[in-house]
């Protein structure tokens, strides 16, 4: 057991930051592991990462840090890897979560196309991203179910923020509500846009029917929706665009670009169905060409940026277009 008494230099510091300062030779993953396993006590109580330490507090670590490091780097067997058949026919094989960034407070994960963000109609039990996150959380011995701070359509791939604590979830949802989380996407659209940069501002209203929910332009009853875009690459008859959402309505990107005559390739709800069929045969696109490629957000006083390149199947489509 390792014991430390908090002096004035570490007072009012979060427990996880104190551990990093006190043991700079250890990796972050080691601290994450011992906190998850409840191996850290403060004044006899289980230590949470975000606990603010006070002068005179006693911090006890009930594990040898070198042993923890060895356990953390040893090969791990996963009990929840399995193959699933996704709605888009891509046959995505679920071996593990694609975690882009892991901190004590939150994760950034890369969701594949065809995987639903959360359980719902048409999704088999246990086969949504949030359910895989719950299983991961149980393996990590978290006392909070990992929770998505926002969502992506099932057909869309890319970056999502996942809270690992209740207070983190509140902080992330507040940042999103106050538009402090900037979300960027890459999409391939039909036709060549007239302007290199532009903004689509059209109110959207949700309609529901037997075929599923859909967003429609409705200036009278719809909610204000704003999409900014810039053309990244021109192709013959198509444009690759980078998109920044100012608002985050359901299907906003898909509905907005369809409304100006430039629907996304592979969009089975708002797209050009005949073009999608021909494009699939010629270029092998089996999914919606929409990917969440960047998140920018403030965290603990610092600006944070996470990037995620296009998935291989979308890169292959662009290579064929170039040829």
Protein backbone atom coordinates (compact mmCIF):
# COMPACT_ATOMS: atom_id res chain seq x y z
CA UNK A 1 0.00 0.00 0.00
CA UNK A 2 1.17 3.53 -0.82
CA UNK A 3 0.09 6.39 1.44
CA UNK A 4 0.32 10.13 0.78
CA UNK A 5 -0.86 13.05 2.91
CA UNK A 6 -2.08 16.08 0.98
CA UNK A 7 -0.15 19.26 1.75
CA UNK A 8 -0.90 22.82 0.69
CA UNK A 9 0.73 22.28 -2.72
CA UNK A 10 -1.90 19.70 -3.70
CA UNK A 11 -4.92 21.15 -1.88
CA UNK A 12 -7.99 21.85 -4.06
CA UNK A 13 -6.63 19.56 -6.79
CA UNK A 14 -8.66 16.75 -8.34
CA UNK A 15 -7.63 13.25 -7.29
CA UNK A 16 -6.74 12.12 -10.81
CA UNK A 17 -4.51 15.16 -11.35
CA UNK A 18 -2.83 14.61 -7.98
CA UNK A 19 -1.96 11.04 -8.98
CA UNK A 20 -0.39 12.24 -12.22
CA UNK A 21 1.63 14.89 -10.36
CA UNK A 22 2.68 12.60 -7.52
CA UNK A 23 3.67 9.68 -9.77
CA UNK A 24 4.86 11.26 -13.04
CA UNK A 25 6.69 8.11 -14.12
CA UNK A 26 3.44 6.14 -14.41
CA UNK A 27 1.22 6.10 -17.50
CA UNK A 28 -2.30 7.54 -17.52
CA UNK A 29 -3.76 4.10 -18.21
CA UNK A 30 -2.43 2.87 -14.86
CA UNK A 31 -4.26 5.61 -12.97
CA UNK A 32 -7.44 4.93 -14.92
CA UNK A 33 -7.16 1.25 -14.00
CA UNK A 34 -6.65 1.66 -10.25
CA UNK A 35 -9.43 4.25 -10.01
CA UNK A 36 -11.85 1.99 -11.86
CA UNK A 37 -10.91 -0.95 -9.64
CA UNK A 38 -11.57 1.24 -6.58
CA UNK A 39 -8.01 0.74 -5.39
CA UNK A 40 -7.66 4.36 -4.27
CA UNK A 41 -9.13 5.57 -0.97
CA UNK A 42 -9.29 9.12 0.39
CA UNK A 43 -9.75 9.25 4.17
CA UNK A 44 -10.98 5.66 3.96
CA UNK A 45 -13.63 6.31 1.28
CA UNK A 46 -13.42 5.16 -2.35
CA UNK A 47 -11.69 7.88 -4.37
CA UNK A 48 -13.44 9.26 -7.46
CA UNK A 49 -11.36 10.87 -10.20
CA UNK A 50 -13.06 14.25 -9.83
CA UNK A 51 -12.83 14.39 -6.01
CA UNK A 52 -11.31 17.68 -4.83
CA UNK A 53 -8.60 17.01 -2.26
CA UNK A 54 -8.20 19.11 0.86
CA UNK A 55 -5.08 19.82 2.88
CA UNK A 56 -4.58 17.03 5.41
CA UNK A 57 -6.46 14.36 3.40
CA UNK A 58 -4.91 10.89 3.36
CA UNK A 59 -4.70 9.12 0.01
CA UNK A 60 -4.09 5.36 0.07
CA UNK A 61 -3.34 3.28 -3.03
CA UNK A 62 -4.03 -0.41 -2.44
CA UNK A 63 -1.95 -1.72 -5.33
CA UNK A 64 1.67 -1.74 -6.34
CA UNK A 65 1.87 0.67 -9.25
CA UNK A 66 4.40 -1.43 -11.15
CA UNK A 67 2.10 -4.44 -10.81
CA UNK A 68 -0.79 -2.35 -12.03
CA UNK A 69 1.25 -1.25 -15.02
CA UNK A 70 2.15 -4.85 -15.87
CA UNK A 71 -1.50 -5.90 -15.62
CA UNK A 72 -2.59 -2.99 -17.78
CA UNK A 73 -0.16 -3.81 -20.59
CA UNK A 74 -0.73 -7.58 -20.52
CA UNK A 75 -2.89 -9.06 -23.31
CA UNK A 76 -6.56 -8.93 -22.36
CA UNK A 77 -9.23 -11.39 -23.40
CA UNK A 78 -12.52 -9.83 -24.36
CA UNK A 79 -15.74 -11.61 -23.48
CA UNK A 80 -17.97 -9.51 -25.68
CA UNK A 81 -16.38 -9.53 -29.15
CA UNK A 82 -18.75 -11.02 -31.73
CA UNK A 83 -19.79 -10.74 -35.34
CA UNK A 84 -22.94 -8.89 -36.25
CA UNK A 85 -24.72 -8.26 -39.51
CA UNK A 86 -25.35 -4.56 -39.96
CA UNK A 87 -28.29 -2.98 -41.70
CA UNK A 88 -26.22 -1.80 -44.66
CA UNK A 89 -24.89 -5.25 -45.46
CA UNK A 90 -21.29 -4.36 -44.70
CA UNK A 91 -20.97 -7.25 -42.22
CA UNK A 92 -18.97 -5.13 -39.76
CA UNK A 93 -17.19 -7.52 -37.42
CA UNK A 94 -17.26 -6.27 -33.87
CA UNK A 95 -13.97 -7.15 -32.24
CA UNK A 96 -13.70 -4.16 -29.93
CA UNK A 97 -14.73 -0.56 -29.53
CA UNK A 98 -12.71 1.86 -31.65
CA UNK A 99 -11.67 4.22 -28.85
CA UNK A 100 -9.93 7.30 -30.23
CA UNK A 101 -9.32 8.93 -26.84
CA UNK A 102 -9.70 7.60 -23.31
CA UNK A 103 -9.61 9.87 -20.27
CA UNK A 104 -10.83 9.35 -16.75
CA UNK A 105 -13.86 11.55 -17.49
CA UNK A 106 -14.91 10.59 -21.00
CA UNK A 107 -14.17 8.66 -24.19
CA UNK A 108 -14.13 9.67 -27.83
CA UNK A 109 -15.20 6.69 -29.97
CA UNK A 110 -15.38 6.10 -33.72
CA UNK A 111 -18.77 4.59 -34.62
CA UNK A 112 -18.91 2.51 -37.80
CA UNK A 113 -21.69 2.93 -40.35
CA UNK A 114 -24.53 0.46 -39.85
CA UNK A 115 -24.29 0.38 -36.05
CA UNK A 116 -27.15 2.07 -34.19
CA UNK A 117 -26.10 4.58 -31.54
CA UNK A 118 -28.64 3.24 -29.05
CA UNK A 119 -31.32 0.52 -28.75
CA UNK A 120 -34.53 1.02 -30.69
CA UNK A 121 -36.97 -0.53 -33.11
CA UNK A 122 -35.17 -2.53 -35.77
CA UNK A 123 -32.09 -3.04 -33.59
CA UNK A 124 -31.49 -6.45 -32.07
CA UNK A 125 -30.98 -6.52 -28.29
CA UNK A 126 -27.34 -6.02 -27.33
CA UNK A 127 -26.29 -4.75 -30.77
CA UNK A 128 -26.07 -0.98 -30.38
CA UNK A 129 -23.08 1.20 -29.59
CA UNK A 130 -24.33 2.22 -26.17
CA UNK A 131 -24.89 -1.44 -25.19
CA UNK A 132 -21.32 -2.29 -26.21
CA UNK A 133 -20.18 0.66 -24.09
CA UNK A 134 -22.12 -0.70 -21.11
CA UNK A 135 -20.34 -4.04 -21.48
CA UNK A 136 -17.00 -2.28 -21.72
CA UNK A 137 -17.89 -0.30 -18.59
CA UNK A 138 -18.69 -3.50 -16.69
CA UNK A 139 -15.33 -4.98 -17.69
CA UNK A 140 -13.62 -1.77 -16.54
CA UNK A 141 -15.57 -1.96 -13.24
CA UNK A 142 -17.10 1.49 -13.67
CA UNK A 143 -19.82 2.49 -11.24
CA UNK A 144 -21.58 4.53 -13.96
CA UNK A 145 -22.99 3.30 -17.25
CA UNK A 146 -21.07 4.99 -20.09
CA UNK A 147 -23.52 7.35 -21.79
CA UNK A 148 -23.48 9.05 -25.20
CA UNK A 149 -23.47 12.84 -24.96
CA UNK A 150 -24.88 13.04 -28.52
CA UNK A 151 -25.79 10.65 -31.33
CA UNK A 152 -25.18 9.84 -34.99
CA UNK A 153 -27.60 8.30 -37.47
CA UNK A 154 -27.16 4.56 -37.87
CA UNK A 155 -25.83 5.02 -41.41
CA UNK A 156 -23.34 7.74 -40.39
CA UNK A 157 -19.85 6.91 -39.13
CA UNK A 158 -17.45 8.90 -36.98
CA UNK A 159 -16.78 10.60 -33.68
CA UNK A 160 -18.95 10.57 -30.57
CA UNK A 161 -18.36 11.79 -27.01
CA UNK A 162 -19.09 9.30 -24.21
CA UNK A 163 -19.40 10.35 -20.56
CA UNK A 164 -17.97 8.04 -17.90
CA UNK A 165 -19.41 9.91 -14.89
CA UNK A 166 -22.68 11.67 -14.15
CA UNK A 167 -21.07 15.08 -13.67
CA UNK A 168 -19.14 14.65 -16.92
CA UNK A 169 -22.39 13.90 -18.75
CA UNK A 170 -23.92 17.10 -17.38
CA UNK A 171 -20.85 19.10 -18.44
CA UNK A 172 -20.77 17.64 -21.96
CA UNK A 173 -24.49 18.10 -22.58
CA UNK A 174 -24.19 21.69 -21.37
CA UNK A 175 -21.32 22.32 -23.80
CA UNK A 176 -23.38 20.85 -26.64
CA UNK A 177 -26.49 22.82 -25.64
CA UNK A 178 -24.49 26.05 -25.55
CA UNK A 179 -22.95 25.26 -28.99
CA UNK A 180 -19.42 25.01 -27.60
CA UNK A 181 -18.86 21.60 -29.22
CA UNK A 182 -18.09 22.09 -32.90
CA UNK A 183 -18.95 19.09 -35.09
CA UNK A 184 -17.44 18.68 -38.55
CA UNK A 185 -18.45 16.15 -41.20
CA UNK A 186 -17.31 15.00 -44.64
CA UNK A 187 -19.97 14.17 -47.22
CA UNK A 188 -20.07 13.36 -50.92
CA UNK A 189 -22.97 15.13 -52.67
CA UNK A 190 -24.60 14.86 -56.06
CA UNK A 191 -23.59 17.56 -58.53
CA UNK A 192 -21.16 20.46 -58.24
CA UNK A 193 -22.10 23.29 -55.92
CA UNK A 194 -22.17 26.82 -57.33
CA UNK A 195 -20.27 28.32 -54.38
CA UNK A 196 -17.07 27.11 -52.74
CA UNK A 197 -18.49 28.05 -49.34
CA UNK A 198 -22.04 28.54 -48.20
CA UNK A 199 -24.70 28.24 -45.52
CA UNK A 200 -27.99 26.39 -45.71
CA UNK A 201 -30.53 27.92 -43.34
CA UNK A 202 -33.92 26.22 -43.47
CA UNK A 203 -36.24 25.23 -40.64
CA UNK A 204 -36.88 21.50 -40.25
CA UNK A 205 -39.92 19.68 -38.92
CA UNK A 206 -40.17 15.97 -38.15
CA UNK A 207 -42.78 13.74 -39.75
CA UNK A 208 -43.47 10.12 -38.80
CA UNK A 209 -45.06 7.40 -40.91
CA UNK A 210 -44.92 3.66 -41.43
CA UNK A 211 -41.64 3.97 -43.35
CA UNK A 212 -39.94 5.83 -40.48
CA UNK A 213 -39.19 9.36 -39.36
CA UNK A 214 -38.12 12.06 -41.78
CA UNK A 215 -37.28 15.76 -41.64
CA UNK A 216 -38.96 18.21 -43.99
CA UNK A 217 -38.42 21.88 -44.75
CA UNK A 218 -41.13 23.76 -42.85
CA UNK A 219 -40.59 27.49 -42.39
CA UNK A 220 -43.81 27.84 -40.40
CA UNK A 221 -43.66 24.98 -37.88
CA UNK A 222 -40.08 23.77 -38.15
CA UNK A 223 -37.11 24.41 -35.88
CA UNK A 224 -34.32 26.75 -36.95
CA UNK A 225 -31.52 24.74 -38.57
CA UNK A 226 -28.18 26.02 -39.89
CA UNK A 227 -25.55 24.10 -41.86
CA UNK A 228 -22.25 25.63 -43.00
CA UNK A 229 -20.19 23.97 -45.74
CA UNK A 230 -17.10 24.37 -47.88
CA UNK A 231 -16.12 22.35 -50.96
CA UNK A 232 -13.07 20.26 -50.23
CA UNK A 233 -12.67 18.53 -53.62
CA UNK A 234 -14.48 18.79 -56.95
CA UNK A 235 -15.08 15.61 -58.96
CA UNK A 236 -16.87 15.25 -62.26
CA UNK A 237 -20.50 15.43 -61.22
CA UNK A 238 -19.83 15.25 -57.46
CA UNK A 239 -18.40 17.35 -54.63
CA UNK A 240 -16.71 16.29 -51.42
CA UNK A 241 -17.78 18.87 -48.83
CA UNK A 242 -16.72 19.63 -45.28
CA UNK A 243 -19.65 20.55 -43.08
CA UNK A 244 -19.92 22.41 -39.78
CA UNK A 245 -23.23 22.14 -37.95
CA UNK A 246 -24.43 25.19 -36.06
CA UNK A 247 -27.56 23.33 -34.96
CA UNK A 248 -27.98 19.59 -34.51
CA UNK A 249 -31.36 18.45 -35.79
CA UNK A 250 -32.12 14.88 -36.77
CA UNK A 251 -30.98 14.17 -40.35
CA UNK A 252 -30.08 17.86 -40.69
CA UNK A 253 -27.23 17.44 -43.19
CA UNK A 254 -29.14 14.95 -45.31
CA UNK A 255 -32.34 16.98 -45.41
CA UNK A 256 -30.59 20.30 -46.03
CA UNK A 257 -28.49 19.14 -48.98
CA UNK A 258 -31.43 17.28 -50.51
CA UNK A 259 -33.47 20.49 -50.25
CA UNK A 260 -31.00 22.39 -52.47
CA UNK A 261 -30.79 19.63 -55.07
CA UNK A 262 -27.50 18.10 -53.90
CA UNK A 263 -28.45 14.97 -51.92
CA UNK A 264 -25.78 12.82 -50.29
CA UNK A 265 -24.57 9.73 -52.15
CA UNK A 266 -25.85 6.51 -50.65
CA UNK A 267 -28.74 8.23 -48.86
CA UNK A 268 -31.67 5.83 -49.01
CA UNK A 269 -34.11 8.28 -47.39
CA UNK A 270 -33.44 11.67 -48.97
CA UNK A 271 -31.24 10.74 -51.93
CA UNK A 272 -31.47 10.11 -55.64
CA UNK A 273 -32.35 6.42 -55.63
CA UNK A 274 -31.52 5.73 -59.28
CA UNK A 275 -28.16 7.48 -58.92
CA UNK A 276 -27.41 5.56 -55.71
CA UNK A 277 -28.06 2.28 -57.52
CA UNK A 278 -25.79 3.16 -60.45
CA UNK A 279 -23.12 4.67 -58.21
CA UNK A 280 -23.05 1.52 -56.09
CA UNK A 281 -22.44 -0.63 -59.17
CA UNK A 282 -19.73 1.64 -60.56
CA UNK A 283 -17.90 2.72 -57.40
CA UNK A 284 -18.86 0.11 -54.79
CA UNK A 285 -20.52 2.48 -52.30
CA UNK A 286 -22.62 0.33 -49.95
CA UNK A 287 -23.44 2.97 -47.33
CA UNK A 288 -24.27 6.62 -46.76
CA UNK A 289 -21.30 8.84 -47.60
CA UNK A 290 -21.35 10.87 -44.38
CA UNK A 291 -18.63 10.79 -41.73
CA UNK A 292 -18.14 12.78 -38.51
CA UNK A 293 -14.47 13.67 -38.95
CA UNK A 294 -13.70 16.25 -36.23
CA UNK A 295 -14.82 17.42 -32.78
CA UNK A 296 -13.59 20.66 -31.22
CA UNK A 297 -14.54 21.44 -27.62
CA UNK A 298 -13.21 23.06 -24.45
CA UNK A 299 -12.36 20.79 -21.52
CA UNK A 300 -10.85 21.75 -18.17
CA UNK A 301 -9.77 25.13 -19.51
CA UNK A 302 -8.12 23.78 -22.65
CA UNK A 303 -9.24 23.61 -26.26
CA UNK A 304 -9.41 19.99 -27.42
CA UNK A 305 -9.49 18.72 -31.01
CA UNK A 306 -10.10 15.13 -32.10
CA UNK A 307 -9.83 14.04 -35.74
CA UNK A 308 -10.91 10.84 -37.45
CA UNK A 309 -10.07 10.16 -41.12
CA UNK A 310 -12.55 8.73 -43.60
CA UNK A 311 -13.10 4.98 -43.24
CA UNK A 312 -11.29 2.82 -45.76
CA UNK A 313 -14.44 2.03 -47.77
CA UNK A 314 -15.10 5.74 -48.35
CA UNK A 315 -11.47 6.44 -49.22
CA UNK A 316 -11.67 3.70 -51.85
CA UNK A 317 -14.70 5.40 -53.42
CA UNK A 318 -12.78 8.67 -53.74
CA UNK A 319 -9.79 6.90 -55.30
CA UNK A 320 -12.09 5.43 -57.96
CA UNK A 321 -13.63 8.85 -58.59
CA UNK A 322 -10.17 10.35 -59.11
CA UNK A 323 -9.39 7.72 -61.74
